[in-house]
Amino acid sequence: MSGKLWPKVSVIWLNYNSIHAIDIAFKSLEAVANLNYPNFELIIVDNGSTDGSAQIIEKIVYEKLRSKMNVKFVRLKRNLGFTGGNNIGYRLKDPDSKYIMLTHNDVIPYPKSLRLLVEF
């Protein structure tokens, strides 16, 4: 894609009760923040967690990620399931986004993964 603008991508990251694997969730968020792609936003949807993981993730977002990238965080009152949570994230996406990447709290993407998906 040399010489062309990179299309905007909205990355929707779904969380639900991840306190038992919070270290993996942190690694996942860190990996998303370090994606080698110049034009994306991160939309974090907490799907009604009741274990305290939403508060911990929200703190990480505000302390570490906001300064690096465009991040939106939404906490749902109840679990809407995988599809419902992603649909909420989709409604929050930037209208200029051409692509959507769905992921969740235990996926650790490789740095080039988003770039490769867009180029494909």
PDB file of N, CA and C in Angstrom:
ATOM      1  N   MET A   1       0.820  -1.193   0.000  1.00  0.00           N
ATOM      2  CA  MET A   1       0.000   0.000   0.000  1.00  0.00           C
ATOM      3  C   MET A   1       0.860   1.251   0.000  1.00  0.00           C
ATOM      4  N   SER A   2       2.035   1.147  -0.501  1.00  0.00           N
ATOM      5  CA  SER A   2       2.895   2.324  -0.510  1.00  0.00           C
ATOM      6  C   SER A   2       2.285   3.401  -1.394  1.00  0.00           C
ATOM      7  N   GLY A   3       2.359   4.631  -0.926  1.00  0.00           N
ATOM      8  CA  GLY A   3       1.823   5.751  -1.674  1.00  0.00           C
ATOM      9  C   GLY A   3       0.332   5.964  -1.489  1.00  0.00           C
ATOM     10  N   LYS A   4      -0.345   5.065  -0.801  1.00  0.00           N
ATOM     11  CA  LYS A   4      -1.783   5.197  -0.578  1.00  0.00           C
ATOM     12  C   LYS A   4      -2.051   5.466   0.894  1.00  0.00           C
ATOM     13  N   LEU A   5      -3.187   6.045   1.162  1.00  0.00           N
ATOM     14  CA  LEU A   5      -3.599   6.229   2.546  1.00  0.00           C
ATOM     15  C   LEU A   5      -4.080   4.898   3.111  1.00  0.00           C
ATOM     16  N   TRP A   6      -3.782   4.673   4.364  1.00  0.00           N
ATOM     17  CA  TRP A   6      -4.242   3.461   5.031  1.00  0.00           C
ATOM     18  C   TRP A   6      -5.691   3.649   5.450  1.00  0.00           C
ATOM     19  N   PRO A   7      -6.593   2.748   5.045  1.00  0.00           N
ATOM     20  CA  PRO A   7      -7.994   2.897   5.449  1.00  0.00           C
ATOM     21  C   PRO A   7      -8.150   2.735   6.961  1.00  0.00           C
ATOM     22  N   LYS A   8      -9.074   3.465   7.501  1.00  0.00           N
ATOM     23  CA  LYS A   8      -9.344   3.410   8.944  1.00  0.00           C
ATOM     24  C   LYS A   8      -9.948   2.056   9.306  1.00  0.00           C
ATOM     25  N   VAL A   9      -9.499   1.511  10.440  1.00  0.00           N
ATOM     26  CA  VAL A   9     -10.010   0.244  10.962  1.00  0.00           C
ATOM     27  C   VAL A   9     -10.481   0.469  12.396  1.00  0.00           C
ATOM     28  N   SER A  10     -11.634  -0.059  12.711  1.00  0.00           N
ATOM     29  CA  SER A  10     -12.120  -0.058  14.089  1.00  0.00           C
ATOM     30  C   SER A  10     -11.896  -1.453  14.663  1.00  0.00           C
ATOM     31  N   VAL A  11     -11.108  -1.522  15.726  1.00  0.00           N
ATOM     32  CA  VAL A  11     -10.833  -2.787  16.401  1.00  0.00           C
ATOM     33  C   VAL A  11     -11.765  -2.867  17.604  1.00  0.00           C
ATOM     34  N   ILE A  12     -12.669  -3.836  17.581  1.00  0.00           N
ATOM     35  CA  ILE A  12     -13.612  -4.026  18.685  1.00  0.00           C
ATOM     36  C   ILE A  12     -13.080  -5.159  19.556  1.00  0.00           C
ATOM     37  N   TRP A  13     -12.813  -4.820  20.819  1.00  0.00           N
ATOM     38  CA  TRP A  13     -12.196  -5.742  21.783  1.00  0.00           C
ATOM     39  C   TRP A  13     -13.211  -6.009  22.878  1.00  0.00           C
ATOM     40  N   LEU A  14     -13.667  -7.240  22.969  1.00  0.00           N
ATOM     41  CA  LEU A  14     -14.737  -7.614  23.889  1.00  0.00           C
ATOM     42  C   LEU A  14     -14.173  -8.244  25.161  1.00  0.00           C
ATOM     43  N   ASN A  15     -14.712  -7.832  26.299  1.00  0.00           N
ATOM     44  CA  ASN A  15     -14.307  -8.398  27.590  1.00  0.00           C
ATOM     45  C   ASN A  15     -15.535  -8.875  28.346  1.00  0.00           C
ATOM     46  N   TYR A  16     -15.356  -9.990  29.056  1.00  0.00           N
ATOM     47  CA  TYR A  16     -16.376 -10.437  30.000  1.00  0.00           C
ATOM     48  C   TYR A  16     -15.707 -11.254  31.102  1.00  0.00           C
ATOM     49  N   ASN A  17     -15.816 -10.774  32.327  1.00  0.00           N
ATOM     50  CA  ASN A  17     -15.334 -11.484  33.516  1.00  0.00           C
ATOM     51  C   ASN A  17     -13.957 -12.127  33.318  1.00  0.00           C
ATOM     52  N   SER A  18     -12.975 -11.308  33.045  1.00  0.00           N
ATOM     53  CA  SER A  18     -11.632 -11.821  32.752  1.00  0.00           C
ATOM     54  C   SER A  18     -10.670 -11.739  33.933  1.00  0.00           C
ATOM     55  N   ILE A  19     -11.183 -11.540  35.136  1.00  0.00           N
ATOM     56  CA  ILE A  19     -10.289 -11.379  36.287  1.00  0.00           C
ATOM     57  C   ILE A  19      -9.393 -12.603  36.478  1.00  0.00           C
ATOM     58  N   HIS A  20      -9.894 -13.783  36.170  1.00  0.00           N
ATOM     59  CA  HIS A  20      -9.107 -15.010  36.321  1.00  0.00           C
ATOM     60  C   HIS A  20      -7.947 -15.082  35.326  1.00  0.00           C
ATOM     61  N   ALA A  21      -8.014 -14.287  34.283  1.00  0.00           N
ATOM     62  CA  ALA A  21      -6.965 -14.276  33.261  1.00  0.00           C
ATOM     63  C   ALA A  21      -6.578 -12.834  32.919  1.00  0.00           C
ATOM     64  N   ILE A  22      -6.546 -11.980  33.938  1.00  0.00           N
ATOM     65  CA  ILE A  22      -6.313 -10.551  33.699  1.00  0.00           C
ATOM     66  C   ILE A  22      -4.944 -10.297  33.073  1.00  0.00           C
ATOM     67  N   ASP A  23      -3.956 -11.129  33.384  1.00  0.00           N
ATOM     68  CA  ASP A  23      -2.633 -10.963  32.763  1.00  0.00           C
ATOM     69  C   ASP A  23      -2.706 -11.156  31.249  1.00  0.00           C
ATOM     70  N   ILE A  24      -3.503 -12.112  30.814  1.00  0.00           N
ATOM     71  CA  ILE A  24      -3.668 -12.333  29.373  1.00  0.00           C
ATOM     72  C   ILE A  24      -4.417 -11.157  28.754  1.00  0.00           C
ATOM     73  N   ALA A  25      -5.422 -10.651  29.451  1.00  0.00           N
ATOM     74  CA  ALA A  25      -6.155  -9.485  28.943  1.00  0.00           C
ATOM     75  C   ALA A  25      -5.221  -8.288  28.789  1.00  0.00           C
ATOM     76  N   PHE A  26      -4.318  -8.080  29.761  1.00  0.00           N
ATOM     77  CA  PHE A  26      -3.342  -6.992  29.658  1.00  0.00           C
ATOM     78  C   PHE A  26      -2.433  -7.190  28.451  1.00  0.00           C
ATOM     79  N   LYS A  27      -1.959  -8.420  28.265  1.00  0.00           N
ATOM     80  CA  LYS A  27      -1.097  -8.710  27.110  1.00  0.00           C
ATOM     81  C   LYS A  27      -1.849  -8.479  25.805  1.00  0.00           C
ATOM     82  N   SER A  28      -3.115  -8.832  25.795  1.00  0.00           N
ATOM     83  CA  SER A  28      -3.934  -8.621  24.607  1.00  0.00           C
ATOM     84  C   SER A  28      -4.059  -7.130  24.295  1.00  0.00           C
ATOM     85  N   LEU A  29      -4.378  -6.327  25.304  1.00  0.00           N
ATOM     86  CA  LEU A  29      -4.497  -4.879  25.096  1.00  0.00           C
ATOM     87  C   LEU A  29      -3.172  -4.265  24.663  1.00  0.00           C
ATOM     88  N   GLU A  30      -2.101  -4.706  25.273  1.00  0.00           N
ATOM     89  CA  GLU A  30      -0.779  -4.201  24.906  1.00  0.00           C
ATOM     90  C   GLU A  30      -0.451  -4.549  23.453  1.00  0.00           C
ATOM     91  N   ALA A  31      -0.776  -5.772  23.049  1.00  0.00           N
ATOM     92  CA  ALA A  31      -0.518  -6.193  21.672  1.00  0.00           C
ATOM     93  C   ALA A  31      -1.355  -5.382  20.682  1.00  0.00           C
ATOM     94  N   VAL A  32      -2.601  -5.116  21.029  1.00  0.00           N
ATOM     95  CA  VAL A  32      -3.441  -4.292  20.151  1.00  0.00           C
ATOM     96  C   VAL A  32      -2.858  -2.883  20.057  1.00  0.00           C
ATOM     97  N   ALA A  33      -2.450  -2.326  21.181  1.00  0.00           N
ATOM     98  CA  ALA A  33      -1.876  -0.976  21.183  1.00  0.00           C
ATOM     99  C   ALA A  33      -0.600  -0.904  20.344  1.00  0.00           C
ATOM    100  N   ASN A  34       0.092  -2.025  20.213  1.00  0.00           N
ATOM    101  CA  ASN A  34       1.351  -2.056  19.466  1.00  0.00           C
ATOM    102  C   ASN A  34       1.213  -2.602  18.048  1.00  0.00           C
ATOM    103  N   LEU A  35      -0.008  -2.664  17.549  1.00  0.00           N
ATOM    104  CA  LEU A  35      -0.185  -3.112  16.169  1.00  0.00           C
ATOM    105  C   LEU A  35       0.542  -2.169  15.219  1.00  0.00           C
ATOM    106  N   ASN A  36       1.199  -2.748  14.259  1.00  0.00           N
ATOM    107  CA  ASN A  36       1.962  -1.981  13.278  1.00  0.00           C
ATOM    108  C   ASN A  36       1.028  -1.554  12.143  1.00  0.00           C
ATOM    109  N   TYR A  37       0.130  -0.655  12.485  1.00  0.00           N
ATOM    110  CA  TYR A  37      -0.836  -0.140  11.516  1.00  0.00           C
ATOM    111  C   TYR A  37      -1.123   1.307  11.898  1.00  0.00           C
ATOM    112  N   PRO A  38      -1.051   2.211  10.945  1.00  0.00           N
ATOM    113  CA  PRO A  38      -1.094   3.637  11.302  1.00  0.00           C
ATOM    114  C   PRO A  38      -2.473   4.257  11.508  1.00  0.00           C
ATOM    115  N   ASN A  39      -3.560   3.539  11.224  1.00  0.00           N
ATOM    116  CA  ASN A  39      -4.853   4.216  11.222  1.00  0.00           C
ATOM    117  C   ASN A  39      -5.954   3.318  11.789  1.00  0.00           C
ATOM    118  N   PHE A  40      -5.965   3.179  13.119  1.00  0.00           N
ATOM    119  CA  PHE A  40      -7.037   2.392  13.723  1.00  0.00           C
ATOM    120  C   PHE A  40      -7.449   2.991  15.055  1.00  0.00           C
ATOM    121  N   GLU A  41      -8.663   2.645  15.447  1.00  0.00           N
ATOM    122  CA  GLU A  41      -9.171   3.007  16.765  1.00  0.00           C
ATOM    123  C   GLU A  41      -9.477   1.716  17.511  1.00  0.00           C
ATOM    124  N   LEU A  42      -9.446   1.790  18.824  1.00  0.00           N
ATOM    125  CA  LEU A  42      -9.767   0.647  19.671  1.00  0.00           C
ATOM    126  C   LEU A  42     -11.063   0.938  20.415  1.00  0.00           C
ATOM    127  N   ILE A  43     -12.018   0.033  20.274  1.00  0.00           N
ATOM    128  CA  ILE A  43     -13.292   0.147  20.981  1.00  0.00           C
ATOM    129  C   ILE A  43     -13.371  -1.035  21.938  1.00  0.00           C
ATOM    130  N   ILE A  44     -13.308  -0.741  23.225  1.00  0.00           N
ATOM    131  CA  ILE A  44     -13.372  -1.786  24.244  1.00  0.00           C
ATOM    132  C   ILE A  44     -14.800  -1.851  24.759  1.00  0.00           C
ATOM    133  N   VAL A  45     -15.388  -3.034  24.666  1.00  0.00           N
ATOM    134  CA  VAL A  45     -16.744  -3.246  25.159  1.00  0.00           C
ATOM    135  C   VAL A  45     -16.669  -4.247  26.301  1.00  0.00           C
ATOM    136  N   ASP A  46     -17.022  -3.794  27.499  1.00  0.00           N
ATOM    137  CA  ASP A  46     -17.143  -4.731  28.612  1.00  0.00           C
ATOM    138  C   ASP A  46     -18.584  -5.215  28.637  1.00  0.00           C
ATOM    139  N   ASN A  47     -18.743  -6.512  28.528  1.00  0.00           N
ATOM    140  CA  ASN A  47     -20.048  -7.136  28.336  1.00  0.00           C
ATOM    141  C   ASN A  47     -20.720  -7.478  29.668  1.00  0.00           C
ATOM    142  N   GLY A  48     -20.810  -6.483  30.548  1.00  0.00           N
ATOM    143  CA  GLY A  48     -21.520  -6.675  31.810  1.00  0.00           C
ATOM    144  C   GLY A  48     -20.745  -7.468  32.848  1.00  0.00           C
ATOM    145  N   SER A  49     -19.429  -7.332  32.877  1.00  0.00           N
ATOM    146  CA  SER A  49     -18.617  -8.076  33.848  1.00  0.00           C
ATOM    147  C   SER A  49     -19.039  -7.765  35.279  1.00  0.00           C
ATOM    148  N   THR A  50     -18.960  -8.794  36.124  1.00  0.00           N
ATOM    149  CA  THR A  50     -19.322  -8.648  37.536  1.00  0.00           C
ATOM    150  C   THR A  50     -18.163  -9.013  38.460  1.00  0.00           C
ATOM    151  N   ASP A  51     -16.983  -9.228  37.901  1.00  0.00           N
ATOM    152  CA  ASP A  51     -15.844  -9.712  38.689  1.00  0.00           C
ATOM    153  C   ASP A  51     -14.780  -8.649  38.961  1.00  0.00           C
ATOM    154  N   GLY A  52     -15.036  -7.405  38.586  1.00  0.00           N
ATOM    155  CA  GLY A  52     -14.066  -6.332  38.800  1.00  0.00           C
ATOM    156  C   GLY A  52     -13.112  -6.120  37.641  1.00  0.00           C
ATOM    157  N   SER A  53     -13.152  -6.984  36.642  1.00  0.00           N
ATOM    158  CA  SER A  53     -12.221  -6.838  35.512  1.00  0.00           C
ATOM    159  C   SER A  53     -12.485  -5.564  34.716  1.00  0.00           C
ATOM    160  N   ALA A  54     -13.723  -5.146  34.612  1.00  0.00           N
ATOM    161  CA  ALA A  54     -14.033  -3.925  33.850  1.00  0.00           C
ATOM    162  C   ALA A  54     -13.340  -2.713  34.455  1.00  0.00           C
ATOM    163  N   GLN A  55     -13.360  -2.614  35.772  1.00  0.00           N
ATOM    164  CA  GLN A  55     -12.732  -1.474  36.436  1.00  0.00           C
ATOM    165  C   GLN A  55     -11.216  -1.483  36.230  1.00  0.00           C
ATOM    166  N   ILE A  56     -10.620  -2.654  36.299  1.00  0.00           N
ATOM    167  CA  ILE A  56      -9.170  -2.761  36.110  1.00  0.00           C
ATOM    168  C   ILE A  56      -8.799  -2.402  34.671  1.00  0.00           C
ATOM    169  N   ILE A  57      -9.547  -2.911  33.722  1.00  0.00           N
ATOM    170  CA  ILE A  57      -9.268  -2.620  32.312  1.00  0.00           C
ATOM    171  C   ILE A  57      -9.491  -1.140  32.021  1.00  0.00           C
ATOM    172  N   GLU A  58     -10.542  -0.573  32.570  1.00  0.00           N
ATOM    173  CA  GLU A  58     -10.801   0.855  32.365  1.00  0.00           C
ATOM    174  C   GLU A  58      -9.647   1.697  32.913  1.00  0.00           C
ATOM    175  N   LYS A  59      -9.113   1.313  34.050  1.00  0.00           N
ATOM    176  CA  LYS A  59      -7.978   2.034  34.631  1.00  0.00           C
ATOM    177  C   LYS A  59      -6.762   1.959  33.703  1.00  0.00           C
ATOM    178  N   ILE A  60      -6.493   0.793  33.159  1.00  0.00           N
ATOM    179  CA  ILE A  60      -5.376   0.624  32.216  1.00  0.00           C
ATOM    180  C   ILE A  60      -5.588   1.511  30.989  1.00  0.00           C
ATOM    181  N   VAL A  61      -6.814   1.535  30.496  1.00  0.00           N
ATOM    182  CA  VAL A  61      -7.120   2.354  29.320  1.00  0.00           C
ATOM    183  C   VAL A  61      -6.786   3.812  29.593  1.00  0.00           C
ATOM    184  N   TYR A  62      -7.250   4.324  30.710  1.00  0.00           N
ATOM    185  CA  TYR A  62      -7.046   5.740  30.999  1.00  0.00           C
ATOM    186  C   TYR A  62      -5.606   6.066  31.381  1.00  0.00           C
ATOM    187  N   GLU A  63      -4.913   5.140  32.013  1.00  0.00           N
ATOM    188  CA  GLU A  63      -3.542   5.418  32.441  1.00  0.00           C
ATOM    189  C   GLU A  63      -2.501   5.160  31.361  1.00  0.00           C
ATOM    190  N   LYS A  64      -2.738   4.170  30.497  1.00  0.00           N
ATOM    191  CA  LYS A  64      -1.679   3.761  29.577  1.00  0.00           C
ATOM    192  C   LYS A  64      -2.018   3.880  28.099  1.00  0.00           C
ATOM    193  N   LEU A  65      -3.266   3.675  27.729  1.00  0.00           N
ATOM    194  CA  LEU A  65      -3.582   3.602  26.301  1.00  0.00           C
ATOM    195  C   LEU A  65      -4.067   4.909  25.695  1.00  0.00           C
ATOM    196  N   ARG A  66      -4.782   5.711  26.444  1.00  0.00           N
ATOM    197  CA  ARG A  66      -5.370   6.938  25.884  1.00  0.00           C
ATOM    198  C   ARG A  66      -4.340   7.847  25.236  1.00  0.00           C
ATOM    199  N   SER A  67      -3.154   7.904  25.811  1.00  0.00           N
ATOM    200  CA  SER A  67      -2.134   8.794  25.256  1.00  0.00           C
ATOM    201  C   SER A  67      -1.507   8.234  23.981  1.00  0.00           C
ATOM    202  N   LYS A  68      -1.635   6.930  23.749  1.00  0.00           N
ATOM    203  CA  LYS A  68      -1.024   6.289  22.583  1.00  0.00           C
ATOM    204  C   LYS A  68      -1.954   6.226  21.378  1.00  0.00           C
ATOM    205  N   MET A  69      -3.259   6.196  21.624  1.00  0.00           N
ATOM    206  CA  MET A  69      -4.178   5.903  20.534  1.00  0.00           C
ATOM    207  C   MET A  69      -5.585   6.379  20.855  1.00  0.00           C
ATOM    208  N   ASN A  70      -6.437   6.311  19.853  1.00  0.00           N
ATOM    209  CA  ASN A  70      -7.849   6.639  20.016  1.00  0.00           C
ATOM    210  C   ASN A  70      -8.558   5.421  20.611  1.00  0.00           C
ATOM    211  N   VAL A  71      -9.056   5.563  21.840  1.00  0.00           N
ATOM    212  CA  VAL A  71      -9.714   4.459  22.537  1.00  0.00           C
ATOM    213  C   VAL A  71     -11.085   4.903  23.017  1.00  0.00           C
ATOM    214  N   LYS A  72     -12.057   4.031  22.797  1.00  0.00           N
ATOM    215  CA  LYS A  72     -13.392   4.225  23.365  1.00  0.00           C
ATOM    216  C   LYS A  72     -13.642   3.046  24.302  1.00  0.00           C
ATOM    217  N   PHE A  73     -14.229   3.330  25.456  1.00  0.00           N
ATOM    218  CA  PHE A  73     -14.521   2.279  26.431  1.00  0.00           C
ATOM    219  C   PHE A  73     -15.987   2.370  26.811  1.00  0.00           C
ATOM    220  N   VAL A  74     -16.685   1.259  26.709  1.00  0.00           N
ATOM    221  CA  VAL A  74     -18.090   1.230  27.110  1.00  0.00           C
ATOM    222  C   VAL A  74     -18.312   0.018  28.008  1.00  0.00           C
ATOM    223  N   ARG A  75     -19.047   0.249  29.077  1.00  0.00           N
ATOM    224  CA  ARG A  75     -19.370  -0.827  30.013  1.00  0.00           C
ATOM    225  C   ARG A  75     -20.874  -1.079  29.945  1.00  0.00           C
ATOM    226  N   LEU A  76     -21.244  -2.274  29.537  1.00  0.00           N
ATOM    227  CA  LEU A  76     -22.659  -2.629  29.429  1.00  0.00           C
ATOM    228  C   LEU A  76     -23.194  -3.070  30.789  1.00  0.00           C
ATOM    229  N   LYS A  77     -24.477  -2.867  30.998  1.00  0.00           N
ATOM    230  CA  LYS A  77     -25.095  -3.233  32.275  1.00  0.00           C
ATOM    231  C   LYS A  77     -25.291  -4.736  32.410  1.00  0.00           C
ATOM    232  N   ARG A  78     -25.411  -5.417  31.266  1.00  0.00           N
ATOM    233  CA  ARG A  78     -25.584  -6.869  31.307  1.00  0.00           C
ATOM    234  C   ARG A  78     -24.886  -7.490  30.107  1.00  0.00           C
ATOM    235  N   ASN A  79     -24.664  -8.776  30.191  1.00  0.00           N
ATOM    236  CA  ASN A  79     -23.987  -9.501  29.125  1.00  0.00           C
ATOM    237  C   ASN A  79     -24.944  -9.682  27.948  1.00  0.00           C
ATOM    238  N   LEU A  80     -24.576  -9.114  26.818  1.00  0.00           N
ATOM    239  CA  LEU A  80     -25.394  -9.240  25.613  1.00  0.00           C
ATOM    240  C   LEU A  80     -24.897 -10.352  24.698  1.00  0.00           C
ATOM    241  N   GLY A  81     -23.913 -11.116  25.163  1.00  0.00           N
ATOM    242  CA  GLY A  81     -23.345 -12.178  24.342  1.00  0.00           C
ATOM    243  C   GLY A  81     -22.340 -11.619  23.346  1.00  0.00           C
ATOM    244  N   PHE A  82     -21.680 -12.523  22.657  1.00  0.00           N
ATOM    245  CA  PHE A  82     -20.636 -12.127  21.706  1.00  0.00           C
ATOM    246  C   PHE A  82     -21.188 -11.198  20.626  1.00  0.00           C
ATOM    247  N   THR A  83     -22.275 -11.594  20.016  1.00  0.00           N
ATOM    248  CA  THR A  83     -22.847 -10.792  18.932  1.00  0.00           C
ATOM    249  C   THR A  83     -23.370  -9.455  19.444  1.00  0.00           C
ATOM    250  N   GLY A  84     -24.080  -9.470  20.556  1.00  0.00           N
ATOM    251  CA  GLY A  84     -24.632  -8.235  21.106  1.00  0.00           C
ATOM    252  C   GLY A  84     -23.558  -7.241  21.502  1.00  0.00           C
ATOM    253  N   GLY A  85     -22.505  -7.729  22.161  1.00  0.00           N
ATOM    254  CA  GLY A  85     -21.399  -6.852  22.543  1.00  0.00           C
ATOM    255  C   GLY A  85     -20.701  -6.253  21.339  1.00  0.00           C
ATOM    256  N   ASN A  86     -20.472  -7.072  20.324  1.00  0.00           N
ATOM    257  CA  ASN A  86     -19.829  -6.565  19.109  1.00  0.00           C
ATOM    258  C   ASN A  86     -20.723  -5.582  18.364  1.00  0.00           C
ATOM    259  N   ASN A  87     -22.023  -5.813  18.393  1.00  0.00           N
ATOM    260  CA  ASN A  87     -22.938  -4.866  17.746  1.00  0.00           C
ATOM    261  C   ASN A  87     -22.890  -3.498  18.424  1.00  0.00           C
ATOM    262  N   ILE A  88     -22.762  -3.480  19.746  1.00  0.00           N
ATOM    263  CA  ILE A  88     -22.613  -2.202  20.456  1.00  0.00           C
ATOM    264  C   ILE A  88     -21.320  -1.522  20.008  1.00  0.00           C
ATOM    265  N   GLY A  89     -20.235  -2.283  19.956  1.00  0.00           N
ATOM    266  CA  GLY A  89     -18.967  -1.729  19.483  1.00  0.00           C
ATOM    267  C   GLY A  89     -19.078  -1.187  18.072  1.00  0.00           C
ATOM    268  N   TYR A  90     -19.778  -1.903  17.223  1.00  0.00           N
ATOM    269  CA  TYR A  90     -19.959  -1.466  15.833  1.00  0.00           C
ATOM    270  C   TYR A  90     -20.686  -0.119  15.779  1.00  0.00           C
ATOM    271  N   ARG A  91     -21.665   0.054  16.626  1.00  0.00           N
ATOM    272  CA  ARG A  91     -22.412   1.322  16.643  1.00  0.00           C
ATOM    273  C   ARG A  91     -21.545   2.498  17.088  1.00  0.00           C
ATOM    274  N   LEU A  92     -20.474   2.197  17.826  1.00  0.00           N
ATOM    275  CA  LEU A  92     -19.587   3.254  18.321  1.00  0.00           C
ATOM    276  C   LEU A  92     -18.433   3.566  17.375  1.00  0.00           C
ATOM    277  N   LYS A  93     -18.301   2.819  16.306  1.00  0.00           N
ATOM    278  CA  LYS A  93     -17.154   2.980  15.407  1.00  0.00           C
ATOM    279  C   LYS A  93     -17.154   4.341  14.732  1.00  0.00           C
ATOM    280  N   ASP A  94     -15.975   4.751  14.353  1.00  0.00           N
ATOM    281  CA  ASP A  94     -15.810   5.977  13.584  1.00  0.00           C
ATOM    282  C   ASP A  94     -16.511   5.797  12.241  1.00  0.00           C
ATOM    283  N   PRO A  95     -17.309   6.760  11.810  1.00  0.00           N
ATOM    284  CA  PRO A  95     -18.006   6.612  10.524  1.00  0.00           C
ATOM    285  C   PRO A  95     -17.051   6.487   9.337  1.00  0.00           C
ATOM    286  N   ASP A  96     -15.804   6.901   9.518  1.00  0.00           N
ATOM    287  CA  ASP A  96     -14.824   6.786   8.440  1.00  0.00           C
ATOM    288  C   ASP A  96     -14.152   5.422   8.379  1.00  0.00           C
ATOM    289  N   SER A  97     -14.455   4.538   9.318  1.00  0.00           N
ATOM    290  CA  SER A  97     -13.834   3.210   9.307  1.00  0.00           C
ATOM    291  C   SER A  97     -14.320   2.405   8.114  1.00  0.00           C
ATOM    292  N   LYS A  98     -13.354   1.858   7.405  1.00  0.00           N
ATOM    293  CA  LYS A  98     -13.676   1.014   6.261  1.00  0.00           C
ATOM    294  C   LYS A  98     -13.770  -0.454   6.666  1.00  0.00           C
ATOM    295  N   TYR A  99     -12.995  -0.833   7.685  1.00  0.00           N
ATOM    296  CA  TYR A  99     -12.946  -2.225   8.125  1.00  0.00           C
ATOM    297  C   TYR A  99     -13.173  -2.320   9.628  1.00  0.00           C
ATOM    298  N   ILE A 100     -13.614  -3.511  10.038  1.00  0.00           N
ATOM    299  CA  ILE A 100     -13.816  -3.834  11.448  1.00  0.00           C
ATOM    300  C   ILE A 100     -12.995  -5.077  11.758  1.00  0.00           C
ATOM    301  N   MET A 101     -12.310  -5.054  12.889  1.00  0.00           N
ATOM    302  CA  MET A 101     -11.613  -6.246  13.374  1.00  0.00           C
ATOM    303  C   MET A 101     -12.233  -6.608  14.718  1.00  0.00           C
ATOM    304  N   LEU A 102     -12.758  -7.823  14.824  1.00  0.00           N
ATOM    305  CA  LEU A 102     -13.338  -8.297  16.073  1.00  0.00           C
ATOM    306  C   LEU A 102     -12.298  -9.121  16.819  1.00  0.00           C
ATOM    307  N   THR A 103     -12.136  -8.825  18.097  1.00  0.00           N
ATOM    308  CA  THR A 103     -11.209  -9.587  18.923  1.00  0.00           C
ATOM    309  C   THR A 103     -11.733  -9.583  20.350  1.00  0.00           C
ATOM    310  N   HIS A 104     -11.051 -10.272  21.227  1.00  0.00           N
ATOM    311  CA  HIS A 104     -11.495 -10.294  22.619  1.00  0.00           C
ATOM    312  C   HIS A 104     -10.319 -10.455  23.559  1.00  0.00           C
ATOM    313  N   ASN A 105     -10.619 -10.578  24.836  1.00  0.00           N
ATOM    314  CA  ASN A 105      -9.629 -10.419  25.888  1.00  0.00           C
ATOM    315  C   ASN A 105      -8.576 -11.513  25.995  1.00  0.00           C
ATOM    316  N   ASP A 106      -8.661 -12.564  25.206  1.00  0.00           N
ATOM    317  CA  ASP A 106      -7.611 -13.582  25.272  1.00  0.00           C
ATOM    318  C   ASP A 106      -6.902 -13.783  23.933  1.00  0.00           C
ATOM    319  N   VAL A 107      -7.067 -12.835  23.036  1.00  0.00           N
ATOM    320  CA  VAL A 107      -6.383 -12.878  21.740  1.00  0.00           C
ATOM    321  C   VAL A 107      -5.194 -11.922  21.793  1.00  0.00           C
ATOM    322  N   ILE A 108      -4.031 -12.434  21.437  1.00  0.00           N
ATOM    323  CA  ILE A 108      -2.821 -11.609  21.412  1.00  0.00           C
ATOM    324  C   ILE A 108      -2.351 -11.543  19.958  1.00  0.00           C
ATOM    325  N   PRO A 109      -2.734 -10.478  19.255  1.00  0.00           N
ATOM    326  CA  PRO A 109      -2.384 -10.396  17.834  1.00  0.00           C
ATOM    327  C   PRO A 109      -0.901 -10.102  17.616  1.00  0.00           C
ATOM    328  N   TYR A 110      -0.386 -10.635  16.525  1.00  0.00           N
ATOM    329  CA  TYR A 110       0.976 -10.314  16.116  1.00  0.00           C
ATOM    330  C   TYR A 110       1.023  -8.865  15.643  1.00  0.00           C
ATOM    331  N   PRO A 111       2.148  -8.196  15.786  1.00  0.00           N
ATOM    332  CA  PRO A 111       2.230  -6.779  15.412  1.00  0.00           C
ATOM    333  C   PRO A 111       1.791  -6.478  13.976  1.00  0.00           C
ATOM    334  N   LYS A 112       2.070  -7.372  13.044  1.00  0.00           N
ATOM    335  CA  LYS A 112       1.734  -7.118  11.639  1.00  0.00           C
ATOM    336  C   LYS A 112       0.354  -7.634  11.240  1.00  0.00           C
ATOM    337  N   SER A 113      -0.378  -8.235  12.156  1.00  0.00           N
ATOM    338  CA  SER A 113      -1.620  -8.915  11.778  1.00  0.00           C
ATOM    339  C   SER A 113      -2.661  -7.983  11.156  1.00  0.00           C
ATOM    340  N   LEU A 114      -2.864  -6.813  11.708  1.00  0.00           N
ATOM    341  CA  LEU A 114      -3.872  -5.908  11.155  1.00  0.00           C
ATOM    342  C   LEU A 114      -3.447  -5.404   9.778  1.00  0.00           C
ATOM    343  N   ARG A 115      -2.197  -5.067   9.649  1.00  0.00           N
ATOM    344  CA  ARG A 115      -1.666  -4.619   8.357  1.00  0.00           C
ATOM    345  C   ARG A 115      -1.859  -5.708   7.291  1.00  0.00           C
ATOM    346  N   LEU A 116      -1.557  -6.941   7.646  1.00  0.00           N
ATOM    347  CA  LEU A 116      -1.705  -8.049   6.697  1.00  0.00           C
ATOM    348  C   LEU A 116      -3.169  -8.273   6.320  1.00  0.00           C
ATOM    349  N   LEU A 117      -4.065  -8.146   7.286  1.00  0.00           N
ATOM    350  CA  LEU A 117      -5.490  -8.308   6.986  1.00  0.00           C
ATOM    351  C   LEU A 117      -5.980  -7.233   6.019  1.00  0.00           C
ATOM    352  N   VAL A 118      -5.570  -6.004   6.239  1.00  0.00           N
ATOM    353  CA  VAL A 118      -6.007  -4.913   5.362  1.00  0.00           C
ATOM    354  C   VAL A 118      -5.407  -5.075   3.968  1.00  0.00           C
ATOM    355  N   GLU A 119      -4.153  -5.466   3.900  1.00  0.00           N
ATOM    356  CA  GLU A 119      -3.507  -5.632   2.599  1.00  0.00           C
ATOM    357  C   GLU A 119      -4.068  -6.811   1.822  1.00  0.00           C
ATOM    358  N   PHE A 120      -4.581  -7.822   2.526  1.00  0.00           N
ATOM    359  CA  PHE A 120      -5.086  -9.015   1.880  1.00  0.00           C
ATOM    360  C   PHE A 120      -6.286  -8.674   1.025  1.00  0.00           C
TER     361      PHE A 120
END
